[in-house]
Amino acid sequence: MNSSDLDTRFDEAVEMATAMTQASLPQDVQLRLYANYKQATQGNVELNQTTSFHLRDAFKTNAWMQIKHISIEEAKENYIAIIHSLVKK
Protein backbone atom coordinates (compact mmCIF):
# COMPACT_ATOMS: atom_id res chain seq x y z
CA MET A 1 0.00 0.00 0.00
CA ASN A 2 1.37 3.40 -0.88
CA SER A 3 1.15 6.52 1.24
CA SER A 4 -1.57 8.13 -0.89
CA ASP A 5 -3.84 5.12 -0.20
CA LEU A 6 -3.18 5.51 3.52
CA ASP A 7 -3.80 9.27 3.32
CA THR A 8 -7.10 8.67 1.51
CA ARG A 9 -8.24 6.11 4.08
CA PHE A 10 -7.16 8.44 6.90
CA ASP A 11 -9.07 11.38 5.39
CA GLU A 12 -12.17 9.20 5.05
CA ALA A 13 -11.86 8.14 8.71
CA VAL A 14 -11.53 11.78 9.77
CA GLU A 15 -14.73 12.58 7.87
CA MET A 16 -16.51 9.71 9.63
CA ALA A 17 -15.26 10.97 12.98
CA THR A 18 -16.58 14.48 12.38
CA ALA A 19 -20.06 13.00 11.96
CA MET A 20 -19.87 11.44 15.42
CA THR A 21 -20.85 13.33 18.53
CA GLN A 22 -18.49 13.58 21.47
CA ALA A 23 -21.29 12.52 23.80
CA SER A 24 -21.54 9.20 21.96
CA LEU A 25 -17.88 8.33 22.58
CA PRO A 26 -16.30 7.35 25.89
CA GLN A 27 -13.62 9.78 27.03
CA ASP A 28 -10.83 7.22 26.72
CA VAL A 29 -11.76 6.68 23.07
CA GLN A 30 -11.85 10.43 22.48
CA LEU A 31 -8.36 10.72 23.94
CA ARG A 32 -7.01 7.87 21.79
CA LEU A 33 -8.52 9.44 18.69
CA TYR A 34 -7.10 12.83 19.60
CA ALA A 35 -3.62 11.44 20.27
CA ASN A 36 -3.48 9.40 17.07
CA TYR A 37 -4.84 12.30 15.01
CA LYS A 38 -2.23 14.69 16.42
CA GLN A 39 0.59 12.17 15.97
CA ALA A 40 -0.59 11.49 12.40
CA THR A 41 -0.88 15.15 11.44
CA GLN A 42 1.86 16.84 13.48
CA GLY A 43 4.30 14.16 14.60
CA ASN A 44 5.77 14.11 18.09
CA VAL A 45 4.34 16.41 20.72
CA GLU A 46 6.40 19.43 21.72
CA LEU A 47 5.74 20.71 25.19
CA ASN A 48 5.27 24.41 25.66
CA GLN A 49 5.04 25.61 29.22
CA THR A 50 2.29 28.14 29.65
CA THR A 51 1.16 30.07 32.67
CA SER A 52 -2.39 28.80 32.44
CA PHE A 53 -3.15 25.20 33.29
CA HIS A 54 -6.18 23.38 31.99
CA LEU A 55 -6.79 19.85 33.18
CA ARG A 56 -8.47 18.87 29.92
CA ASP A 57 -5.41 19.96 27.93
CA ALA A 58 -3.15 18.02 30.29
CA PHE A 59 -5.09 14.81 29.61
CA LYS A 60 -4.93 15.42 25.85
CA THR A 61 -1.19 16.16 25.95
CA ASN A 62 -0.57 13.09 28.10
CA ALA A 63 -2.47 10.86 25.67
CA TRP A 64 -0.41 12.25 22.78
CA MET A 65 2.87 11.84 24.69
CA GLN A 66 2.07 8.18 25.35
CA ILE A 67 2.18 7.39 21.62
CA LYS A 68 5.11 9.61 20.60
CA HIS A 69 7.17 6.51 19.83
CA ILE A 70 4.95 5.49 16.89
CA SER A 71 5.32 6.69 13.32
CA ILE A 72 2.92 8.99 11.52
CA GLU A 73 1.83 6.07 9.34
CA GLU A 74 1.15 3.87 12.37
CA ALA A 75 -0.85 6.66 14.00
CA LYS A 76 -2.97 6.95 10.86
CA GLU A 77 -3.56 3.18 10.84
CA ASN A 78 -4.51 3.27 14.53
CA TYR A 79 -6.93 6.16 13.93
CA ILE A 80 -8.54 4.33 11.00
CA ALA A 81 -8.88 1.13 13.06
CA ILE A 82 -10.52 2.96 15.98
CA ILE A 83 -13.03 4.71 13.69
CA HIS A 84 -13.88 1.49 11.86
CA SER A 85 -14.40 -0.34 15.17
CA LEU A 86 -16.79 2.41 16.28
CA VAL A 87 -18.73 2.36 13.01
CA LYS A 88 -19.24 -1.42 13.25
CA LYS A 89 -20.91 -1.13 16.67
PDB file of N, CA and C in Angstrom:
ATOM      1  N   MET A   1       0.848  -1.179   0.000  1.00  0.00           N
ATOM      2  CA  MET A   1       0.000   0.000   0.000  1.00  0.00           C
ATOM      3  C   MET A   1       0.890   1.238   0.000  1.00  0.00           C
ATOM      4  N   ASN A   2       0.559   2.187  -0.849  1.00  0.00           N
ATOM      5  CA  ASN A   2       1.370   3.396  -0.880  1.00  0.00           C
ATOM      6  C   ASN A   2       0.796   4.448   0.057  1.00  0.00           C
ATOM      7  N   SER A   3       1.552   5.520   0.253  1.00  0.00           N
ATOM      8  CA  SER A   3       1.146   6.519   1.239  1.00  0.00           C
ATOM      9  C   SER A   3      -0.112   7.283   0.824  1.00  0.00           C
ATOM     10  N   SER A   4      -0.361   7.415  -0.479  1.00  0.00           N
ATOM     11  CA  SER A   4      -1.573   8.126  -0.888  1.00  0.00           C
ATOM     12  C   SER A   4      -2.821   7.309  -0.552  1.00  0.00           C
ATOM     13  N   ASP A   5      -2.730   5.970  -0.622  1.00  0.00           N
ATOM     14  CA  ASP A   5      -3.845   5.117  -0.202  1.00  0.00           C
ATOM     15  C   ASP A   5      -4.114   5.297   1.293  1.00  0.00           C
ATOM     16  N   LEU A   6      -3.043   5.321   2.086  1.00  0.00           N
ATOM     17  CA  LEU A   6      -3.178   5.511   3.521  1.00  0.00           C
ATOM     18  C   LEU A   6      -3.767   6.885   3.813  1.00  0.00           C
ATOM     19  N   ASP A   7      -3.280   7.908   3.124  1.00  0.00           N
ATOM     20  CA  ASP A   7      -3.800   9.265   3.322  1.00  0.00           C
ATOM     21  C   ASP A   7      -5.283   9.343   2.977  1.00  0.00           C
ATOM     22  N   THR A   8      -5.687   8.673   1.917  1.00  0.00           N
ATOM     23  CA  THR A   8      -7.101   8.670   1.512  1.00  0.00           C
ATOM     24  C   THR A   8      -7.951   7.979   2.567  1.00  0.00           C
ATOM     25  N   ARG A   9      -7.495   6.827   3.056  1.00  0.00           N
ATOM     26  CA  ARG A   9      -8.244   6.111   4.085  1.00  0.00           C
ATOM     27  C   ARG A   9      -8.308   6.916   5.385  1.00  0.00           C
ATOM     28  N   PHE A  10      -7.196   7.606   5.699  1.00  0.00           N
ATOM     29  CA  PHE A  10      -7.159   8.444   6.899  1.00  0.00           C
ATOM     30  C   PHE A  10      -8.149   9.598   6.764  1.00  0.00           C
ATOM     31  N   ASP A  11      -8.137  10.268   5.618  1.00  0.00           N
ATOM     32  CA  ASP A  11      -9.070  11.382   5.390  1.00  0.00           C
ATOM     33  C   ASP A  11     -10.522  10.921   5.488  1.00  0.00           C
ATOM     34  N   GLU A  12     -10.810   9.746   4.963  1.00  0.00           N
ATOM     35  CA  GLU A  12     -12.171   9.197   5.048  1.00  0.00           C
ATOM     36  C   GLU A  12     -12.545   8.918   6.509  1.00  0.00           C
ATOM     37  N   ALA A  13     -11.599   8.409   7.292  1.00  0.00           N
ATOM     38  CA  ALA A  13     -11.857   8.140   8.708  1.00  0.00           C
ATOM     39  C   ALA A  13     -12.088   9.441   9.473  1.00  0.00           C
ATOM     40  N   VAL A  14     -11.340  10.479   9.128  1.00  0.00           N
ATOM     41  CA  VAL A  14     -11.529  11.780   9.771  1.00  0.00           C
ATOM     42  C   VAL A  14     -12.927  12.314   9.460  1.00  0.00           C
ATOM     43  N   GLU A  15     -13.373  12.146   8.234  1.00  0.00           N
ATOM     44  CA  GLU A  15     -14.728  12.576   7.866  1.00  0.00           C
ATOM     45  C   GLU A  15     -15.773  11.809   8.665  1.00  0.00           C
ATOM     46  N   MET A  16     -15.576  10.503   8.832  1.00  0.00           N
ATOM     47  CA  MET A  16     -16.511   9.706   9.626  1.00  0.00           C
ATOM     48  C   MET A  16     -16.529  10.191  11.071  1.00  0.00           C
ATOM     49  N   ALA A  17     -15.360  10.530  11.586  1.00  0.00           N
ATOM     50  CA  ALA A  17     -15.259  10.975  12.979  1.00  0.00           C
ATOM     51  C   ALA A  17     -15.979  12.299  13.189  1.00  0.00           C
ATOM     52  N   THR A  18     -15.924  13.180  12.213  1.00  0.00           N
ATOM     53  CA  THR A  18     -16.581  14.477  12.376  1.00  0.00           C
ATOM     54  C   THR A  18     -18.097  14.333  12.420  1.00  0.00           C
ATOM     55  N   ALA A  19     -18.615  13.240  11.908  1.00  0.00           N
ATOM     56  CA  ALA A  19     -20.062  13.000  11.957  1.00  0.00           C
ATOM     57  C   ALA A  19     -20.500  12.440  13.308  1.00  0.00           C
ATOM     58  N   MET A  20     -19.552  11.996  14.109  1.00  0.00           N
ATOM     59  CA  MET A  20     -19.867  11.437  15.424  1.00  0.00           C
ATOM     60  C   MET A  20     -19.958  12.565  16.447  1.00  0.00           C
ATOM     61  N   THR A  21     -20.763  12.339  17.460  1.00  0.00           N
ATOM     62  CA  THR A  21     -20.853  13.327  18.531  1.00  0.00           C
ATOM     63  C   THR A  21     -19.937  12.909  19.671  1.00  0.00           C
ATOM     64  N   GLN A  22     -19.367  13.895  20.344  1.00  0.00           N
ATOM     65  CA  GLN A  22     -18.493  13.581  21.469  1.00  0.00           C
ATOM     66  C   GLN A  22     -19.241  12.831  22.556  1.00  0.00           C
ATOM     67  N   ALA A  23     -20.499  13.171  22.752  1.00  0.00           N
ATOM     68  CA  ALA A  23     -21.287  12.523  23.801  1.00  0.00           C
ATOM     69  C   ALA A  23     -21.455  11.031  23.545  1.00  0.00           C
ATOM     70  N   SER A  24     -21.352  10.617  22.287  1.00  0.00           N
ATOM     71  CA  SER A  24     -21.543   9.201  21.962  1.00  0.00           C
ATOM     72  C   SER A  24     -20.272   8.377  22.167  1.00  0.00           C
ATOM     73  N   LEU A  25     -19.149   9.042  22.433  1.00  0.00           N
ATOM     74  CA  LEU A  25     -17.878   8.333  22.583  1.00  0.00           C
ATOM     75  C   LEU A  25     -17.369   8.419  24.015  1.00  0.00           C
ATOM     76  N   PRO A  26     -16.912   7.301  24.567  1.00  0.00           N
ATOM     77  CA  PRO A  26     -16.296   7.351  25.894  1.00  0.00           C
ATOM     78  C   PRO A  26     -15.056   8.251  25.865  1.00  0.00           C
ATOM     79  N   GLN A  27     -14.740   8.840  26.997  1.00  0.00           N
ATOM     80  CA  GLN A  27     -13.617   9.776  27.034  1.00  0.00           C
ATOM     81  C   GLN A  27     -12.288   9.132  26.688  1.00  0.00           C
ATOM     82  N   ASP A  28     -12.091   7.869  27.057  1.00  0.00           N
ATOM     83  CA  ASP A  28     -10.827   7.225  26.722  1.00  0.00           C
ATOM     84  C   ASP A  28     -10.686   7.049  25.212  1.00  0.00           C
ATOM     85  N   VAL A  29     -11.791   6.799  24.526  1.00  0.00           N
ATOM     86  CA  VAL A  29     -11.765   6.680  23.065  1.00  0.00           C
ATOM     87  C   VAL A  29     -11.489   8.049  22.444  1.00  0.00           C
ATOM     88  N   GLN A  30     -12.113   9.085  22.973  1.00  0.00           N
ATOM     89  CA  GLN A  30     -11.855  10.433  22.480  1.00  0.00           C
ATOM     90  C   GLN A  30     -10.377  10.785  22.608  1.00  0.00           C
ATOM     91  N   LEU A  31      -9.768  10.429  23.725  1.00  0.00           N
ATOM     92  CA  LEU A  31      -8.356  10.723  23.937  1.00  0.00           C
ATOM     93  C   LEU A  31      -7.461   9.933  22.973  1.00  0.00           C
ATOM     94  N   ARG A  32      -7.801   8.671  22.738  1.00  0.00           N
ATOM     95  CA  ARG A  32      -7.007   7.870  21.789  1.00  0.00           C
ATOM     96  C   ARG A  32      -7.125   8.425  20.379  1.00  0.00           C
ATOM     97  N   LEU A  33      -8.338   8.832  20.005  1.00  0.00           N
ATOM     98  CA  LEU A  33      -8.524   9.438  18.687  1.00  0.00           C
ATOM     99  C   LEU A  33      -7.728  10.725  18.577  1.00  0.00           C
ATOM    100  N   TYR A  34      -7.821  11.563  19.588  1.00  0.00           N
ATOM    101  CA  TYR A  34      -7.095  12.829  19.598  1.00  0.00           C
ATOM    102  C   TYR A  34      -5.590  12.588  19.456  1.00  0.00           C
ATOM    103  N   ALA A  35      -5.064  11.701  20.278  1.00  0.00           N
ATOM    104  CA  ALA A  35      -3.625  11.440  20.272  1.00  0.00           C
ATOM    105  C   ALA A  35      -3.157  10.919  18.921  1.00  0.00           C
ATOM    106  N   ASN A  36      -3.879   9.961  18.360  1.00  0.00           N
ATOM    107  CA  ASN A  36      -3.478   9.402  17.070  1.00  0.00           C
ATOM    108  C   ASN A  36      -3.634  10.425  15.955  1.00  0.00           C
ATOM    109  N   TYR A  37      -4.666  11.249  16.030  1.00  0.00           N
ATOM    110  CA  TYR A  37      -4.842  12.300  15.015  1.00  0.00           C
ATOM    111  C   TYR A  37      -3.674  13.285  15.076  1.00  0.00           C
ATOM    112  N   LYS A  38      -3.325  13.726  16.279  1.00  0.00           N
ATOM    113  CA  LYS A  38      -2.233  14.687  16.425  1.00  0.00           C
ATOM    114  C   LYS A  38      -0.903  14.078  15.982  1.00  0.00           C
ATOM    115  N   GLN A  39      -0.658  12.826  16.363  1.00  0.00           N
ATOM    116  CA  GLN A  39       0.588  12.166  15.965  1.00  0.00           C
ATOM    117  C   GLN A  39       0.634  12.005  14.448  1.00  0.00           C
ATOM    118  N   ALA A  40      -0.518  11.698  13.852  1.00  0.00           N
ATOM    119  CA  ALA A  40      -0.585  11.494  12.404  1.00  0.00           C
ATOM    120  C   ALA A  40      -0.433  12.794  11.637  1.00  0.00           C
ATOM    121  N   THR A  41      -0.900  13.889  12.184  1.00  0.00           N
ATOM    122  CA  THR A  41      -0.883  15.150  11.440  1.00  0.00           C
ATOM    123  C   THR A  41       0.261  16.085  11.827  1.00  0.00           C
ATOM    124  N   GLN A  42       0.819  15.917  13.041  1.00  0.00           N
ATOM    125  CA  GLN A  42       1.863  16.841  13.484  1.00  0.00           C
ATOM    126  C   GLN A  42       3.143  16.161  13.947  1.00  0.00           C
ATOM    127  N   GLY A  43       3.112  14.854  14.105  1.00  0.00           N
ATOM    128  CA  GLY A  43       4.297  14.162  14.601  1.00  0.00           C
ATOM    129  C   GLY A  43       4.382  14.260  16.116  1.00  0.00           C
ATOM    130  N   ASN A  44       5.590  14.138  16.642  1.00  0.00           N
ATOM    131  CA  ASN A  44       5.773  14.112  18.088  1.00  0.00           C
ATOM    132  C   ASN A  44       5.350  15.416  18.750  1.00  0.00           C
ATOM    133  N   VAL A  45       4.800  15.267  19.940  1.00  0.00           N
ATOM    134  CA  VAL A  45       4.338  16.409  20.720  1.00  0.00           C
ATOM    135  C   VAL A  45       5.543  17.223  21.194  1.00  0.00           C
ATOM    136  N   GLU A  46       5.384  18.533  21.172  1.00  0.00           N
ATOM    137  CA  GLU A  46       6.397  19.433  21.717  1.00  0.00           C
ATOM    138  C   GLU A  46       5.738  20.193  22.857  1.00  0.00           C
ATOM    139  N   LEU A  47       6.331  20.072  24.026  1.00  0.00           N
ATOM    140  CA  LEU A  47       5.743  20.710  25.195  1.00  0.00           C
ATOM    141  C   LEU A  47       6.105  22.183  25.251  1.00  0.00           C
ATOM    142  N   ASN A  48       5.088  22.979  25.460  1.00  0.00           N
ATOM    143  CA  ASN A  48       5.275  24.410  25.664  1.00  0.00           C
ATOM    144  C   ASN A  48       4.687  24.748  27.019  1.00  0.00           C
ATOM    145  N   GLN A  49       5.520  25.238  27.900  1.00  0.00           N
ATOM    146  CA  GLN A  49       5.044  25.608  29.223  1.00  0.00           C
ATOM    147  C   GLN A  49       4.289  26.930  29.124  1.00  0.00           C
ATOM    148  N   THR A  50       3.086  26.918  29.626  1.00  0.00           N
ATOM    149  CA  THR A  50       2.294  28.139  29.650  1.00  0.00           C
ATOM    150  C   THR A  50       1.930  28.462  31.088  1.00  0.00           C
ATOM    151  N   THR A  51       1.524  29.669  31.316  1.00  0.00           N
ATOM    152  CA  THR A  51       1.164  30.066  32.668  1.00  0.00           C
ATOM    153  C   THR A  51      -0.200  29.557  33.058  1.00  0.00           C
ATOM    154  N   SER A  52      -1.067  29.309  32.101  1.00  0.00           N
ATOM    155  CA  SER A  52      -2.394  28.800  32.436  1.00  0.00           C
ATOM    156  C   SER A  52      -2.390  27.281  32.342  1.00  0.00           C
ATOM    157  N   PHE A  53      -3.090  26.651  33.241  1.00  0.00           N
ATOM    158  CA  PHE A  53      -3.149  25.196  33.295  1.00  0.00           C
ATOM    159  C   PHE A  53      -4.595  24.766  33.156  1.00  0.00           C
ATOM    160  N   HIS A  54      -4.850  23.911  32.187  1.00  0.00           N
ATOM    161  CA  HIS A  54      -6.184  23.377  31.986  1.00  0.00           C
ATOM    162  C   HIS A  54      -6.087  21.863  32.070  1.00  0.00           C
ATOM    163  N   LEU A  55      -6.847  21.286  32.967  1.00  0.00           N
ATOM    164  CA  LEU A  55      -6.786  19.847  33.184  1.00  0.00           C
ATOM    165  C   LEU A  55      -7.112  19.065  31.919  1.00  0.00           C
ATOM    166  N   ARG A  56      -8.089  19.549  31.159  1.00  0.00           N
ATOM    167  CA  ARG A  56      -8.467  18.872  29.917  1.00  0.00           C
ATOM    168  C   ARG A  56      -7.282  18.819  28.944  1.00  0.00           C
ATOM    169  N   ASP A  57      -6.577  19.929  28.815  1.00  0.00           N
ATOM    170  CA  ASP A  57      -5.414  19.962  27.926  1.00  0.00           C
ATOM    171  C   ASP A  57      -4.309  19.038  28.425  1.00  0.00           C
ATOM    172  N   ALA A  58      -4.175  18.916  29.733  1.00  0.00           N
ATOM    173  CA  ALA A  58      -3.151  18.024  30.291  1.00  0.00           C
ATOM    174  C   ALA A  58      -3.455  16.571  29.921  1.00  0.00           C
ATOM    175  N   PHE A  59      -4.716  16.174  29.995  1.00  0.00           N
ATOM    176  CA  PHE A  59      -5.092  14.813  29.606  1.00  0.00           C
ATOM    177  C   PHE A  59      -4.821  14.573  28.121  1.00  0.00           C
ATOM    178  N   LYS A  60      -5.151  15.558  27.299  1.00  0.00           N
ATOM    179  CA  LYS A  60      -4.926  15.421  25.855  1.00  0.00           C
ATOM    180  C   LYS A  60      -3.438  15.317  25.548  1.00  0.00           C
ATOM    181  N   THR A  61      -2.637  16.184  26.175  1.00  0.00           N
ATOM    182  CA  THR A  61      -1.190  16.156  25.949  1.00  0.00           C
ATOM    183  C   THR A  61      -0.596  14.836  26.435  1.00  0.00           C
ATOM    184  N   ASN A  62      -1.053  14.358  27.575  1.00  0.00           N
ATOM    185  CA  ASN A  62      -0.572  13.089  28.105  1.00  0.00           C
ATOM    186  C   ASN A  62      -0.880  11.932  27.146  1.00  0.00           C
ATOM    187  N   ALA A  63      -2.090  11.914  26.611  1.00  0.00           N
ATOM    188  CA  ALA A  63      -2.470  10.858  25.665  1.00  0.00           C
ATOM    189  C   ALA A  63      -1.564  10.894  24.438  1.00  0.00           C
ATOM    190  N   TRP A  64      -1.272  12.085  23.953  1.00  0.00           N
ATOM    191  CA  TRP A  64      -0.412  12.254  22.781  1.00  0.00           C
ATOM    192  C   TRP A  64       1.019  11.818  23.112  1.00  0.00           C
ATOM    193  N   MET A  65       1.512  12.201  24.292  1.00  0.00           N
ATOM    194  CA  MET A  65       2.873  11.837  24.687  1.00  0.00           C
ATOM    195  C   MET A  65       3.045  10.328  24.792  1.00  0.00           C
ATOM    196  N   GLN A  66       1.988   9.628  25.177  1.00  0.00           N
ATOM    197  CA  GLN A  66       2.073   8.180  25.346  1.00  0.00           C
ATOM    198  C   GLN A  66       2.298   7.438  24.029  1.00  0.00           C
ATOM    199  N   ILE A  67       1.991   8.077  22.909  1.00  0.00           N
ATOM    200  CA  ILE A  67       2.183   7.390  21.624  1.00  0.00           C
ATOM    201  C   ILE A  67       3.262   8.058  20.774  1.00  0.00           C
ATOM    202  N   LYS A  68       4.093   8.888  21.386  1.00  0.00           N
ATOM    203  CA  LYS A  68       5.108   9.613  20.604  1.00  0.00           C
ATOM    204  C   LYS A  68       6.134   8.693  19.958  1.00  0.00           C
ATOM    205  N   HIS A  69       6.209   7.466  20.387  1.00  0.00           N
ATOM    206  CA  HIS A  69       7.167   6.508  19.829  1.00  0.00           C
ATOM    207  C   HIS A  69       6.700   5.898  18.505  1.00  0.00           C
ATOM    208  N   ILE A  70       5.433   6.112  18.127  1.00  0.00           N
ATOM    209  CA  ILE A  70       4.947   5.489  16.892  1.00  0.00           C
ATOM    210  C   ILE A  70       5.105   6.451  15.714  1.00  0.00           C
ATOM    211  N   SER A  71       5.147   5.889  14.529  1.00  0.00           N
ATOM    212  CA  SER A  71       5.322   6.691  13.322  1.00  0.00           C
ATOM    213  C   SER A  71       4.008   7.356  12.926  1.00  0.00           C
ATOM    214  N   ILE A  72       4.107   8.317  12.046  1.00  0.00           N
ATOM    215  CA  ILE A  72       2.924   8.995  11.515  1.00  0.00           C
ATOM    216  C   ILE A  72       2.023   7.982  10.817  1.00  0.00           C
ATOM    217  N   GLU A  73       2.610   7.081  10.057  1.00  0.00           N
ATOM    218  CA  GLU A  73       1.832   6.067   9.341  1.00  0.00           C
ATOM    219  C   GLU A  73       1.101   5.145  10.309  1.00  0.00           C
ATOM    220  N   GLU A  74       1.780   4.740  11.375  1.00  0.00           N
ATOM    221  CA  GLU A  74       1.155   3.865  12.366  1.00  0.00           C
ATOM    222  C   GLU A  74       0.018   4.595  13.093  1.00  0.00           C
ATOM    223  N   ALA A  75       0.205   5.877  13.363  1.00  0.00           N
ATOM    224  CA  ALA A  75      -0.854   6.662  14.003  1.00  0.00           C
ATOM    225  C   ALA A  75      -2.077   6.749  13.094  1.00  0.00           C
ATOM    226  N   LYS A  76      -1.845   6.913  11.805  1.00  0.00           N
ATOM    227  CA  LYS A  76      -2.965   6.947  10.856  1.00  0.00           C
ATOM    228  C   LYS A  76      -3.697   5.616  10.841  1.00  0.00           C
ATOM    229  N   GLU A  77      -2.952   4.520  10.823  1.00  0.00           N
ATOM    230  CA  GLU A  77      -3.561   3.185  10.836  1.00  0.00           C
ATOM    231  C   GLU A  77      -4.361   2.975  12.118  1.00  0.00           C
ATOM    232  N   ASN A  78      -3.805   3.396  13.251  1.00  0.00           N
ATOM    233  CA  ASN A  78      -4.515   3.271  14.527  1.00  0.00           C
ATOM    234  C   ASN A  78      -5.814   4.065  14.500  1.00  0.00           C
ATOM    235  N   TYR A  79      -5.751   5.288  14.003  1.00  0.00           N
ATOM    236  CA  TYR A  79      -6.930   6.156  13.931  1.00  0.00           C
ATOM    237  C   TYR A  79      -8.010   5.500  13.067  1.00  0.00           C
ATOM    238  N   ILE A  80      -7.604   5.000  11.915  1.00  0.00           N
ATOM    239  CA  ILE A  80      -8.542   4.332  10.996  1.00  0.00           C
ATOM    240  C   ILE A  80      -9.176   3.131  11.690  1.00  0.00           C
ATOM    241  N   ALA A  81      -8.369   2.329  12.381  1.00  0.00           N
ATOM    242  CA  ALA A  81      -8.878   1.130  13.062  1.00  0.00           C
ATOM    243  C   ALA A  81      -9.884   1.495  14.153  1.00  0.00           C
ATOM    244  N   ILE A  82      -9.603   2.543  14.914  1.00  0.00           N
ATOM    245  CA  ILE A  82     -10.521   2.959  15.977  1.00  0.00           C
ATOM    246  C   ILE A  82     -11.853   3.399  15.365  1.00  0.00           C
ATOM    247  N   ILE A  83     -11.794   4.222  14.331  1.00  0.00           N
ATOM    248  CA  ILE A  83     -13.028   4.706  13.693  1.00  0.00           C
ATOM    249  C   ILE A  83     -13.823   3.537  13.131  1.00  0.00           C
ATOM    250  N   HIS A  84     -13.165   2.627  12.448  1.00  0.00           N
ATOM    251  CA  HIS A  84     -13.878   1.487  11.858  1.00  0.00           C
ATOM    252  C   HIS A  84     -14.501   0.606  12.938  1.00  0.00           C
ATOM    253  N   SER A  85     -13.825   0.459  14.085  1.00  0.00           N
ATOM    254  CA  SER A  85     -14.403  -0.342  15.169  1.00  0.00           C
ATOM    255  C   SER A  85     -15.637   0.342  15.754  1.00  0.00           C
ATOM    256  N   LEU A  86     -15.636   1.670  15.772  1.00  0.00           N
ATOM    257  CA  LEU A  86     -16.791   2.412  16.283  1.00  0.00           C
ATOM    258  C   LEU A  86     -17.974   2.352  15.314  1.00  0.00           C
ATOM    259  N   VAL A  87     -17.675   2.394  14.032  1.00  0.00           N
ATOM    260  CA  VAL A  87     -18.733   2.363  13.010  1.00  0.00           C
ATOM    261  C   VAL A  87     -19.422   1.005  12.997  1.00  0.00           C
ATOM    262  N   LYS A  88     -18.675  -0.067  13.269  1.00  0.00           N
ATOM    263  CA  LYS A  88     -19.236  -1.416  13.249  1.00  0.00           C
ATOM    264  C   LYS A  88     -20.183  -1.679  14.401  1.00  0.00           C
ATOM    265  N   LYS A  89     -20.065  -0.906  15.479  1.00  0.00           N
ATOM    266  CA  LYS A  89     -20.910  -1.128  16.671  1.00  0.00           C
ATOM    267  C   LYS A  89     -22.341  -0.722  16.423  1.00  0.00           C
TER     268      LYS A  89
END
